[in-house]
Amino acid sequence: MTKRKPLPPTAADAAREALRAEERKRASAGNPLKPIEVLKTIIAAYQAYVFATEGASADNGAVASDDRQGLARGTQSAVDRMLFNANYWLAAYEDRIVSTFPDACDARACLKSIAVWNSHTLRLNTLDPEDVTATFGRFCPPFAVNNRRGADGKNGGKGPVPEFRTCALEIAGYKPAEQAADIVRLVADVEAEARIYQTLEGGNPLDALFDILPAWCLQDRIPMVAGGWYDNADIMLLVVSELDACFKRVGYAESARGYFVDSFREALDGYEREISADDMESRWQDMPVGDLLQIIRAQRAMNPDYEADGYGTVLPPWLIYKEQLVWNTLVCAVYGPHVARPLAVESVDLLTMDGGTVHEDIITDLARSSYDVYLSGQTELGGSPEFKTYDDQPVDLRMSGIQRIQSIPDMLKILGYRISPIGTCYPDQRVDRLSPSEVECLAVLEHRRWLAERIAAGWTLSPTKDTAAKQSPYLVPWEALPERARDCNRRQLRNLPTLLASRGLCITR
């Protein structure tokens, strides 16, 4: 009889061991782990550990999809699909399908019909970073899944929602009237939710996820947001530590990584604090997505600083922290640390070498003010900006503005400068005006940073700008940049001392 290897003391220990083993295996092949693979390995090990210690005894023989069983055991293919939300409809409606179809054969048939993937892995280890982001965008918003399967036009019978409808209504045809009515209601609810998602179609997948995510957190149905790992502080601290190490190896700037780590920890602390004092309310879990989206949009409009202050008294206080935690775990693992959601309470030391603290979202405020300077410059030059305000921009462009602000300390360091809170330095140390040569140096550095960021995000050179297609005529070296575009960069950097002063900061020697 083979002696079974003893389990590590905790789930975090098991995840750490699994990660080190996977790193050794991949190192021998010269293929290091990508950030999303780091997250996948940790979650798979966590799930396997929980199943080994609790899962087998908790199995009551109820009907369950292959996905649910695989995820419970931590299988690689099931974790792949969960991370990319590839089987959203199955995850969101599995419990209700099983309760609506008491016959096990009927339930299994409906679960199979609403699933997009049943056994195949997405093979994250074979995808390059651009393919990872493209795959996430293709699968994560539910409307994208339908489009992938051709759920409109002449192929309107394909896709998880229409295929489930066909299967469920066929079964309803030979069931008693009461059960048939329940089935019809279930189909109607699924189709109504699908129509809601299609109103978000056509834009950036991150924008759609930004809108949908708090509703999913309130419903607490799909493992992408409801996984037990979010409630295990040791696992989440391991996630942030290992992702940060991976981001460092990949080459992300220290400022972006620091912002990611602080944002992640702030969200985790807030979530743990608030969720312990406020149990999940069933009224949110049972509310349709469409109703939740209306409430969330209204609260975001009424509380414009919701990222820092929460949604007021209407929605649970833990919600903003939970959605930030999920975002900073999953989206950052896919796109990088620069897309981290802003801190609930920011620190000046994200931009300075000092330890002062202010209770406001200073980096986002600076990004917003910087965009206002850009708009005024465009107007003076006779341009017509595509987006009238910072907040009108898609999520990825807003995050780009934040990344630009995060890069300022490193650029100033090249000139021998730093950023300090006003009042913490002698007057002769303060720099209230940058010289023309300093402005030129910073403008060149900023353009190089922006150029690398845009190329990494999949943008390509084109004679005209097309934000939706990720095309720009400015993806050229500084020397080839039109003078008008150079002047725009210079103007923003020339205004840097004023911009920082508006938030109580200054440039010092």
Protein backbone atom coordinates (compact mmCIF):
# COMPACT_ATOMS: atom_id res chain seq x y z
CA MET A 1 0.00 0.00 0.00
CA THR A 2 1.44 3.37 -1.07
CA LYS A 3 2.03 5.70 1.84
CA ARG A 4 0.16 8.94 1.35
CA LYS A 5 2.17 12.16 1.62
CA PRO A 6 1.01 14.18 4.64
CA LEU A 7 -0.77 17.43 3.93
CA PRO A 8 0.97 20.73 4.73
CA PRO A 9 -0.26 22.48 7.89
CA THR A 10 -2.33 25.11 6.05
CA ALA A 11 -3.82 25.84 2.64
CA ALA A 12 -1.31 28.67 2.18
CA ASP A 13 1.57 26.25 2.84
CA ALA A 14 0.12 23.85 0.27
CA ALA A 15 -0.23 26.65 -2.29
CA ARG A 16 3.32 27.84 -1.67
CA GLU A 17 4.69 24.31 -2.13
CA ALA A 18 2.70 23.85 -5.35
CA LEU A 19 3.99 27.16 -6.69
CA ARG A 20 7.63 26.33 -5.96
CA ALA A 21 7.23 22.90 -7.58
CA GLU A 22 5.65 24.42 -10.69
CA GLU A 23 8.40 27.05 -10.88
CA ARG A 24 11.10 24.35 -10.76
CA LYS A 25 9.38 22.40 -13.50
CA ARG A 26 8.96 25.44 -15.72
CA ALA A 27 12.49 26.72 -15.06
CA SER A 28 13.98 23.54 -16.48
CA ALA A 29 12.02 24.21 -19.67
CA GLY A 30 12.99 27.90 -19.75
CA ASN A 31 9.33 28.90 -19.57
CA PRO A 32 8.68 30.96 -16.40
CA LEU A 33 5.20 31.36 -14.99
CA LYS A 34 3.08 34.25 -16.17
CA PRO A 35 1.14 36.25 -13.53
CA ILE A 36 -2.16 34.57 -14.41
CA GLU A 37 -0.46 31.16 -14.04
CA VAL A 38 0.81 32.15 -10.60
CA LEU A 39 -2.77 32.92 -9.58
CA LYS A 40 -4.06 29.74 -11.18
CA THR A 41 -1.50 27.56 -9.35
CA ILE A 42 -2.32 29.12 -5.97
CA ILE A 43 -6.09 28.74 -6.41
CA ALA A 44 -5.81 25.17 -7.71
CA ALA A 45 -3.66 24.19 -4.72
CA TYR A 46 -6.05 25.92 -2.31
CA GLN A 47 -9.05 24.11 -3.78
CA ALA A 48 -7.27 20.75 -3.71
CA TYR A 49 -6.28 21.29 -0.07
CA VAL A 50 -9.81 22.23 0.98
CA PHE A 51 -11.20 19.20 -0.85
CA ALA A 52 -8.68 16.89 0.79
CA THR A 53 -9.54 18.17 4.25
CA GLU A 54 -13.25 18.94 3.90
CA GLY A 55 -14.64 18.20 0.44
CA ALA A 56 -14.90 14.42 0.39
CA SER A 57 -16.93 14.27 3.60
CA ALA A 58 -19.18 17.12 2.42
CA ASP A 59 -20.14 15.38 -0.85
CA ASN A 60 -23.83 14.46 -0.54
CA GLY A 61 -24.25 12.91 -3.98
CA ALA A 62 -26.25 15.82 -5.42
CA VAL A 63 -26.19 16.48 -9.16
CA ALA A 64 -23.22 18.71 -10.03
CA SER A 65 -21.64 19.80 -13.29
CA ASP A 66 -18.19 18.63 -14.33
CA ASP A 67 -17.01 22.21 -13.82
CA ARG A 68 -18.20 22.38 -10.22
CA GLN A 69 -16.71 18.99 -9.39
CA GLY A 70 -13.44 19.85 -11.12
CA LEU A 71 -13.10 23.22 -9.41
CA ALA A 72 -13.82 21.65 -6.02
CA ARG A 73 -10.87 19.31 -6.60
CA GLY A 74 -8.64 22.05 -8.00
CA THR A 75 -8.26 20.58 -11.50
CA GLN A 76 -6.28 22.77 -13.88
CA SER A 77 -8.90 22.90 -16.64
CA ALA A 78 -11.72 23.90 -14.27
CA VAL A 79 -9.60 26.64 -12.66
CA ASP A 80 -8.69 27.91 -16.16
CA ARG A 81 -12.34 28.27 -17.07
CA MET A 82 -13.23 29.88 -13.75
CA LEU A 83 -10.49 32.52 -14.04
CA PHE A 84 -11.72 33.55 -17.49
CA ASN A 85 -15.41 33.18 -16.58
CA ALA A 86 -15.80 30.96 -19.64
CA ASN A 87 -18.78 29.10 -18.18
CA TYR A 88 -20.56 32.08 -16.65
CA TRP A 89 -24.10 30.89 -17.40
CA LEU A 90 -23.40 27.47 -15.93
CA ALA A 91 -21.84 28.94 -12.77
CA ALA A 92 -24.58 31.54 -12.28
CA TYR A 93 -27.54 29.20 -12.76
CA GLU A 94 -26.34 25.72 -11.75
CA ASP A 95 -28.06 25.71 -8.35
CA ARG A 96 -31.33 26.96 -9.76
CA ILE A 97 -31.24 24.48 -12.64
CA VAL A 98 -30.71 21.57 -10.25
CA SER A 99 -33.58 22.71 -8.02
CA THR A 100 -35.91 23.30 -10.99
CA PHE A 101 -35.20 19.88 -12.53
CA PRO A 102 -35.56 17.24 -9.77
CA ASP A 103 -34.90 14.44 -12.24
CA ALA A 104 -31.13 13.95 -12.35
CA CYS A 105 -31.06 13.14 -16.08
CA ASP A 106 -33.01 16.31 -16.89
CA ALA A 107 -30.74 18.41 -14.69
CA ARG A 108 -27.56 17.01 -16.26
CA ALA A 109 -28.89 17.61 -19.77
CA CYS A 110 -29.65 21.25 -18.96
CA LEU A 111 -26.30 21.78 -17.24
CA LYS A 112 -24.53 20.44 -20.31
CA SER A 113 -26.58 22.63 -22.66
CA ILE A 114 -25.75 25.86 -20.85
CA ALA A 115 -22.03 25.13 -20.59
CA VAL A 116 -19.62 26.48 -23.20
CA TRP A 117 -16.71 24.29 -22.14
CA ASN A 118 -17.05 20.90 -20.50
CA SER A 119 -13.64 19.27 -20.44
CA HIS A 120 -11.08 21.25 -22.45
CA THR A 121 -8.49 23.47 -20.80
CA LEU A 122 -7.73 26.97 -22.03
CA ARG A 123 -4.03 26.01 -21.80
CA LEU A 124 -2.79 29.21 -20.22
CA ASN A 125 0.80 27.95 -20.36
CA THR A 126 0.70 28.09 -24.17
CA LEU A 127 -0.61 31.67 -24.41
CA ASP A 128 1.62 34.73 -24.71
CA PRO A 129 0.61 37.85 -22.72
CA GLU A 130 -1.35 39.37 -25.61
CA ASP A 131 -3.26 36.11 -26.10
CA VAL A 132 -4.05 36.02 -22.37
CA THR A 133 -5.67 39.47 -22.45
CA ALA A 134 -7.48 38.66 -25.71
CA THR A 135 -8.83 35.41 -24.24
CA PHE A 136 -9.99 37.19 -21.10
CA GLY A 137 -11.78 39.84 -23.17
CA ARG A 138 -13.35 37.15 -25.33
CA PHE A 139 -14.81 35.13 -22.48
CA CYS A 140 -15.23 37.19 -19.31
CA PRO A 141 -18.21 39.42 -20.27
CA PRO A 142 -21.12 37.00 -20.89
CA PHE A 143 -22.17 38.70 -24.14
CA ALA A 144 -18.79 37.80 -25.64
CA VAL A 145 -19.46 34.10 -25.10
CA ASN A 146 -22.68 34.32 -27.09
CA ASN A 147 -21.00 36.16 -29.93
CA ARG A 148 -18.22 33.58 -30.05
CA ARG A 149 -20.77 30.86 -30.62
CA GLY A 150 -22.73 32.87 -33.20
CA ALA A 151 -25.80 33.57 -31.08
CA ASP A 152 -27.29 36.14 -33.42
CA GLY A 153 -28.51 36.32 -37.01
CA LYS A 154 -28.77 33.06 -38.91
CA ASN A 155 -26.99 31.20 -36.11
CA GLY A 156 -29.45 32.37 -33.48
CA GLY A 157 -29.96 28.84 -32.14
CA LYS A 158 -26.36 28.51 -31.00
CA GLY A 159 -24.68 29.61 -27.80
CA PRO A 160 -25.28 28.64 -24.16
CA VAL A 161 -28.45 30.69 -23.65
CA PRO A 162 -30.41 29.59 -26.75
CA GLU A 163 -29.19 26.00 -26.40
CA PHE A 164 -30.35 25.95 -22.78
CA ARG A 165 -33.70 27.39 -23.84
CA THR A 166 -34.19 24.62 -26.41
CA CYS A 167 -33.25 21.87 -23.96
CA ALA A 168 -35.26 23.24 -21.02
CA LEU A 169 -38.46 23.92 -22.97
CA GLU A 170 -38.32 20.50 -24.58
CA ILE A 171 -38.27 18.95 -21.10
CA ALA A 172 -41.03 21.31 -19.93
CA GLY A 173 -43.27 19.95 -22.68
CA TYR A 174 -43.83 16.66 -20.86
CA LYS A 175 -43.76 17.87 -17.24
CA PRO A 176 -46.72 18.71 -14.94
CA ALA A 177 -48.07 22.24 -15.35
CA GLU A 178 -46.55 23.58 -12.12
CA GLN A 179 -43.03 22.37 -12.90
CA ALA A 180 -43.37 23.46 -16.54
CA ALA A 181 -44.23 26.98 -15.35
CA ASP A 182 -41.12 27.01 -13.13
CA ILE A 183 -39.00 25.97 -16.12
CA VAL A 184 -40.48 28.70 -18.32
CA ARG A 185 -39.75 31.30 -15.61
CA LEU A 186 -36.16 30.09 -15.33
CA VAL A 187 -35.63 30.34 -19.10
CA ALA A 188 -37.17 33.82 -19.13
CA ASP A 189 -34.85 34.98 -16.33
CA VAL A 190 -31.75 33.68 -18.14
CA GLU A 191 -32.78 35.37 -21.40
CA ALA A 192 -33.59 38.64 -19.60
CA GLU A 193 -30.11 38.66 -18.06
CA ALA A 194 -28.55 37.95 -21.46
CA ARG A 195 -30.36 40.98 -22.90
CA ILE A 196 -28.98 43.15 -20.09
CA TYR A 197 -25.42 42.13 -20.95
CA GLN A 198 -25.93 42.82 -24.62
CA THR A 199 -26.57 46.49 -23.77
CA LEU A 200 -22.92 46.55 -22.64
CA GLU A 201 -21.69 44.98 -25.86
CA GLY A 202 -19.36 46.68 -28.32
CA GLY A 203 -17.11 48.49 -25.87
CA ASN A 204 -13.96 47.60 -23.99
CA PRO A 205 -14.35 44.32 -22.03
CA LEU A 206 -12.82 46.01 -18.98
CA ASP A 207 -15.51 48.69 -19.08
CA ALA A 208 -18.19 46.00 -19.16
CA LEU A 209 -16.56 44.14 -16.27
CA PHE A 210 -16.23 47.40 -14.33
CA ASP A 211 -20.01 47.84 -14.60
CA ILE A 212 -20.98 44.22 -13.91
CA LEU A 213 -18.53 43.25 -11.16
CA PRO A 214 -20.31 44.79 -8.14
CA ALA A 215 -23.57 43.12 -9.20
CA TRP A 216 -21.84 39.74 -9.32
CA CYS A 217 -20.27 40.39 -5.91
CA LEU A 218 -23.71 41.10 -4.45
CA GLN A 219 -25.23 37.97 -5.99
CA ASP A 220 -22.29 35.86 -4.74
CA ARG A 221 -23.05 33.08 -7.24
CA ILE A 222 -20.09 32.59 -9.55
CA PRO A 223 -16.78 31.29 -8.17
CA MET A 224 -14.84 34.00 -10.02
CA VAL A 225 -16.06 36.41 -7.29
CA ALA A 226 -17.35 33.99 -4.61
CA GLY A 227 -14.41 31.60 -4.30
CA GLY A 228 -13.42 30.69 -0.75
CA TRP A 229 -9.86 31.91 -1.35
CA TYR A 230 -11.05 35.53 -1.03
CA ASP A 231 -12.01 34.80 2.58
CA ASN A 232 -8.64 33.23 3.44
CA ALA A 233 -6.30 36.07 4.40
CA ASP A 234 -3.16 33.91 4.23
CA ILE A 235 -3.98 32.82 0.68
CA MET A 236 -4.69 36.39 -0.43
CA LEU A 237 -1.46 37.67 1.12
CA LEU A 238 0.38 34.91 -0.74
CA VAL A 239 -1.34 35.98 -3.97
CA VAL A 240 -0.27 39.62 -3.66
CA SER A 241 3.28 38.70 -2.67
CA GLU A 242 3.76 36.22 -5.51
CA LEU A 243 2.11 38.44 -8.13
CA ASP A 244 4.35 41.32 -7.08
CA ALA A 245 7.43 39.11 -7.45
CA CYS A 246 6.23 37.98 -10.87
CA PHE A 247 5.54 41.58 -11.96
CA LYS A 248 9.08 42.50 -10.87
CA ARG A 249 10.56 39.66 -12.91
CA VAL A 250 8.52 40.66 -15.96
CA GLY A 251 9.87 44.21 -15.68
CA TYR A 252 7.07 46.41 -14.32
CA ALA A 253 8.18 49.66 -12.66
CA GLU A 254 8.51 49.76 -8.89
CA SER A 255 5.96 52.60 -8.66
CA ALA A 256 3.27 50.56 -10.44
CA ARG A 257 4.03 47.50 -8.35
CA GLY A 258 3.95 49.50 -5.13
CA TYR A 259 0.59 50.97 -6.03
CA PHE A 260 -0.75 47.49 -6.82
CA VAL A 261 0.45 46.02 -3.52
CA ASP A 262 -0.94 48.90 -1.45
CA SER A 263 -4.26 48.82 -3.33
CA PHE A 264 -4.55 45.07 -2.88
CA ARG A 265 -3.78 45.16 0.84
CA GLU A 266 -6.12 48.09 1.44
CA ALA A 267 -8.97 46.25 -0.30
CA LEU A 268 -8.23 43.04 1.61
CA ASP A 269 -8.13 44.83 4.98
CA GLY A 270 -11.37 46.69 4.25
CA TYR A 271 -13.16 43.57 3.06
CA GLU A 272 -12.12 41.54 6.11
CA ARG A 273 -13.16 44.34 8.43
CA GLU A 274 -16.57 45.01 6.87
CA ILE A 275 -17.62 41.47 5.95
CA SER A 276 -17.08 40.28 9.53
CA ALA A 277 -19.64 42.84 10.71
CA ASP A 278 -22.15 42.41 7.88
CA ASP A 279 -23.38 39.02 6.70
CA MET A 280 -24.32 38.62 3.05
CA GLU A 281 -27.96 39.61 2.60
CA SER A 282 -30.12 37.19 0.61
CA ARG A 283 -32.10 40.04 -0.92
CA TRP A 284 -29.04 41.01 -2.95
CA GLN A 285 -28.31 37.42 -3.92
CA ASP A 286 -31.82 36.90 -5.27
CA MET A 287 -32.09 40.23 -7.11
CA PRO A 288 -31.83 40.17 -10.94
CA VAL A 289 -28.67 41.62 -12.48
CA GLY A 290 -30.66 44.33 -14.28
CA ASP A 291 -32.09 45.68 -11.02
CA LEU A 292 -28.68 45.53 -9.34
CA LEU A 293 -27.03 47.43 -12.18
CA GLN A 294 -29.62 50.21 -11.89
CA ILE A 295 -29.01 50.55 -8.15
CA ILE A 296 -25.23 50.47 -8.54
CA ARG A 297 -25.21 53.07 -11.32
CA ALA A 298 -27.44 55.35 -9.25
CA GLN A 299 -25.17 55.01 -6.21
CA ARG A 300 -22.05 55.66 -8.28
CA ALA A 301 -23.68 58.83 -9.62
CA MET A 302 -24.69 59.95 -6.11
CA ASN A 303 -21.30 59.03 -4.60
CA PRO A 304 -18.67 60.11 -7.18
CA ASP A 305 -15.86 59.25 -4.76
CA TYR A 306 -17.20 55.73 -4.23
CA GLU A 307 -13.76 54.19 -4.85
CA ALA A 308 -12.56 55.89 -1.68
CA ASP A 309 -15.75 56.40 0.32
CA GLY A 310 -17.94 53.46 -0.72
CA TYR A 311 -21.51 53.46 -1.98
CA GLY A 312 -23.18 55.22 0.93
CA THR A 313 -25.84 53.54 3.07
CA VAL A 314 -27.88 51.82 0.35
CA LEU A 315 -25.36 49.13 -0.57
CA PRO A 316 -23.33 47.01 1.89
CA PRO A 317 -20.10 48.66 3.12
CA TRP A 318 -18.04 45.60 2.17
CA LEU A 319 -19.03 45.83 -1.52
CA ILE A 320 -16.47 48.39 -2.71
CA TYR A 321 -13.68 46.45 -1.00
CA LYS A 322 -14.81 43.11 -2.43
CA GLU A 323 -14.99 44.36 -6.00
CA GLN A 324 -11.59 46.06 -5.64
CA LEU A 325 -10.16 42.84 -4.21
CA VAL A 326 -11.51 40.70 -7.05
CA TRP A 327 -10.35 43.25 -9.63
CA ASN A 328 -6.86 43.57 -8.16
CA THR A 329 -6.57 39.78 -7.97
CA LEU A 330 -7.88 38.73 -11.36
CA VAL A 331 -7.67 41.73 -13.69
CA CYS A 332 -4.17 42.68 -12.53
CA ALA A 333 -3.02 39.08 -13.06
CA VAL A 334 -4.23 39.37 -16.66
CA TYR A 335 -3.37 42.98 -17.57
CA GLY A 336 -0.63 43.95 -15.10
CA PRO A 337 -0.27 46.00 -11.89
CA HIS A 338 -0.96 49.34 -13.58
CA VAL A 339 -4.71 48.58 -13.79
CA ALA A 340 -5.07 48.23 -10.01
CA ARG A 341 -8.22 49.81 -8.63
CA PRO A 342 -7.47 52.98 -6.59
CA LEU A 343 -6.91 52.71 -2.88
CA ALA A 344 -9.81 53.30 -0.55
CA VAL A 345 -7.41 55.46 1.47
CA GLU A 346 -4.30 56.60 -0.41
CA SER A 347 -0.87 57.50 0.93
CA VAL A 348 1.30 60.39 -0.15
CA ASP A 349 4.24 58.02 -0.02
CA LEU A 350 2.94 56.41 -3.21
CA LEU A 351 4.37 59.55 -4.85
CA THR A 352 6.97 60.65 -2.32
CA MET A 353 9.88 59.33 -0.32
CA ASP A 354 8.17 60.53 2.87
CA GLY A 355 5.59 58.90 5.04
CA GLY A 356 2.86 61.52 5.15
CA THR A 357 -0.73 60.39 4.71
CA VAL A 358 -3.85 62.04 3.31
CA HIS A 359 -7.35 60.65 3.21
CA GLU A 360 -8.04 61.04 -0.48
CA ASP A 361 -7.43 59.31 -3.76
CA ILE A 362 -4.42 61.44 -4.63
CA ILE A 363 -3.14 59.52 -7.65
CA THR A 364 -6.50 59.38 -9.38
CA ASP A 365 -7.07 63.08 -8.61
CA LEU A 366 -3.71 63.93 -10.18
CA ALA A 367 -4.55 61.81 -13.24
CA ARG A 368 -7.87 63.63 -13.55
CA SER A 369 -6.25 67.07 -13.21
CA SER A 370 -3.54 66.15 -15.70
CA TYR A 371 -6.21 65.18 -18.20
CA ASP A 372 -7.84 68.58 -17.72
CA VAL A 373 -4.52 70.21 -18.65
CA TYR A 374 -4.38 68.01 -21.74
CA LEU A 375 -7.92 69.06 -22.71
CA SER A 376 -7.16 72.76 -22.39
CA GLY A 377 -4.03 72.32 -24.49
CA GLN A 378 -5.95 70.49 -27.19
CA THR A 379 -8.55 73.25 -27.28
CA GLU A 380 -5.90 75.96 -27.62
CA LEU A 381 -4.26 74.02 -30.45
CA GLY A 382 -7.61 73.70 -32.24
CA GLY A 383 -8.01 69.99 -31.54
CA SER A 384 -11.20 68.11 -30.74
CA PRO A 385 -10.60 65.65 -27.87
CA GLU A 386 -12.42 62.33 -28.18
CA PHE A 387 -13.36 62.25 -24.48
CA LYS A 388 -14.60 65.40 -22.75
CA THR A 389 -13.59 64.38 -19.22
CA TYR A 390 -11.17 61.95 -17.59
CA ASP A 391 -14.07 59.79 -16.39
CA ASP A 392 -15.53 59.56 -19.92
CA GLN A 393 -12.50 57.55 -21.01
CA PRO A 394 -12.56 53.73 -21.19
CA VAL A 395 -11.12 51.96 -18.15
CA ASP A 396 -7.82 51.12 -19.86
CA LEU A 397 -7.18 54.76 -20.79
CA ARG A 398 -8.03 55.92 -17.27
CA MET A 399 -5.60 53.35 -15.91
CA SER A 400 -3.02 54.61 -18.41
CA GLY A 401 -3.39 58.08 -16.90
CA ILE A 402 -2.80 56.62 -13.44
CA GLN A 403 0.28 54.79 -14.69
CA ARG A 404 1.58 58.08 -16.08
CA ILE A 405 1.25 59.73 -12.66
CA GLN A 406 2.97 56.76 -11.03
CA SER A 407 5.98 57.23 -13.32
CA ILE A 408 6.59 60.86 -12.28
CA PRO A 409 8.88 60.12 -9.26
CA ASP A 410 11.19 57.94 -11.38
CA MET A 411 11.44 60.61 -14.10
CA LEU A 412 12.14 63.38 -11.60
CA LYS A 413 14.79 61.22 -9.95
CA ILE A 414 16.77 61.34 -13.21
CA LEU A 415 16.91 65.14 -12.82
CA GLY A 416 17.99 64.80 -9.19
CA TYR A 417 14.57 65.79 -7.85
CA ARG A 418 11.98 64.18 -5.61
CA ILE A 419 8.39 64.86 -4.51
CA SER A 420 7.63 66.00 -0.96
CA PRO A 421 4.60 67.34 0.91
CA ILE A 422 4.54 71.14 0.89
CA GLY A 423 5.96 72.52 4.13
CA THR A 424 8.41 69.69 4.74
CA CYS A 425 11.41 71.30 2.99
CA TYR A 426 13.36 74.56 3.10
CA PRO A 427 12.20 77.20 0.59
CA ASP A 428 15.48 77.08 -1.34
CA GLN A 429 15.00 73.33 -1.90
CA ARG A 430 11.65 73.75 -3.59
CA VAL A 431 11.43 73.77 -7.41
CA ASP A 432 8.48 75.89 -8.55
CA ARG A 433 9.45 76.04 -12.20
CA LEU A 434 11.16 73.56 -14.51
CA SER A 435 13.69 74.89 -17.02
CA PRO A 436 13.06 74.40 -20.78
CA SER A 437 15.77 71.73 -20.92
CA GLU A 438 14.24 69.90 -17.94
CA VAL A 439 10.79 70.04 -19.54
CA GLU A 440 12.24 68.66 -22.77
CA CYS A 441 13.98 65.82 -20.93
CA LEU A 442 10.81 64.86 -19.06
CA ALA A 443 8.70 65.09 -22.22
CA VAL A 444 11.03 62.69 -24.05
CA LEU A 445 11.03 60.26 -21.12
CA GLU A 446 7.23 60.40 -20.84
CA HIS A 447 6.76 59.76 -24.55
CA ARG A 448 9.09 56.74 -24.39
CA ARG A 449 7.15 55.39 -21.41
CA TRP A 450 3.82 55.99 -23.14
CA LEU A 451 5.06 54.40 -26.36
CA ALA A 452 6.17 51.22 -24.56
CA GLU A 453 2.90 51.08 -22.61
CA ARG A 454 0.72 51.47 -25.71
CA ILE A 455 2.65 48.83 -27.68
CA ALA A 456 2.43 46.41 -24.74
CA ALA A 457 -1.34 47.04 -24.64
CA GLY A 458 -1.67 45.98 -28.29
CA TRP A 459 -1.83 49.39 -30.00
CA THR A 460 -0.47 49.71 -33.55
CA LEU A 461 0.69 52.55 -35.78
CA SER A 462 -1.93 53.99 -38.12
CA PRO A 463 -2.32 57.22 -40.13
CA THR A 464 -5.36 58.13 -38.00
CA LYS A 465 -6.35 57.58 -34.39
CA ASP A 466 -8.97 54.91 -33.63
CA THR A 467 -9.35 54.21 -29.92
CA ALA A 468 -11.66 51.22 -30.39
CA ALA A 469 -9.20 49.58 -32.82
CA LYS A 470 -6.19 50.58 -30.66
CA GLN A 471 -4.56 52.55 -33.47
CA SER A 472 -2.60 55.81 -33.23
CA PRO A 473 -0.42 57.92 -35.53
CA TYR A 474 1.81 58.83 -32.56
CA LEU A 475 3.42 55.42 -32.02
CA VAL A 476 6.75 56.72 -33.30
CA PRO A 477 10.03 57.82 -31.65
CA TRP A 478 10.13 61.32 -30.17
CA GLU A 479 12.22 62.56 -33.08
CA ALA A 480 9.49 61.55 -35.56
CA LEU A 481 6.63 62.92 -33.48
CA PRO A 482 4.75 65.89 -35.00
CA GLU A 483 5.65 69.19 -33.33
CA ARG A 484 2.06 69.68 -32.22
CA ALA A 485 2.14 66.40 -30.30
CA ARG A 486 5.52 67.31 -28.77
CA ASP A 487 4.08 70.63 -27.60
CA CYS A 488 1.21 68.80 -25.92
CA ASN A 489 3.70 66.67 -23.95
CA ARG A 490 5.80 69.71 -23.06
CA ARG A 491 2.76 71.63 -21.85
CA GLN A 492 1.74 68.86 -19.45
CA LEU A 493 5.24 68.49 -18.02
CA ARG A 494 5.72 72.26 -17.78
CA ASN A 495 2.59 72.34 -15.62
CA LEU A 496 3.87 69.60 -13.29
CA PRO A 497 4.81 71.85 -10.32
CA THR A 498 1.36 73.47 -10.41
CA LEU A 499 -0.34 70.08 -10.73
CA LEU A 500 1.46 68.67 -7.69
CA ALA A 501 0.88 71.84 -5.67
CA SER A 502 -2.87 71.43 -6.18
CA ARG A 503 -2.64 68.28 -4.07
CA GLY A 504 -0.30 69.67 -1.41
CA LEU A 505 2.91 68.36 -2.98
CA CYS A 506 6.01 69.97 -4.43
CA ILE A 507 9.18 69.13 -6.34
CA THR A 508 12.34 69.39 -4.22
CA ARG A 509 16.07 69.15 -4.85
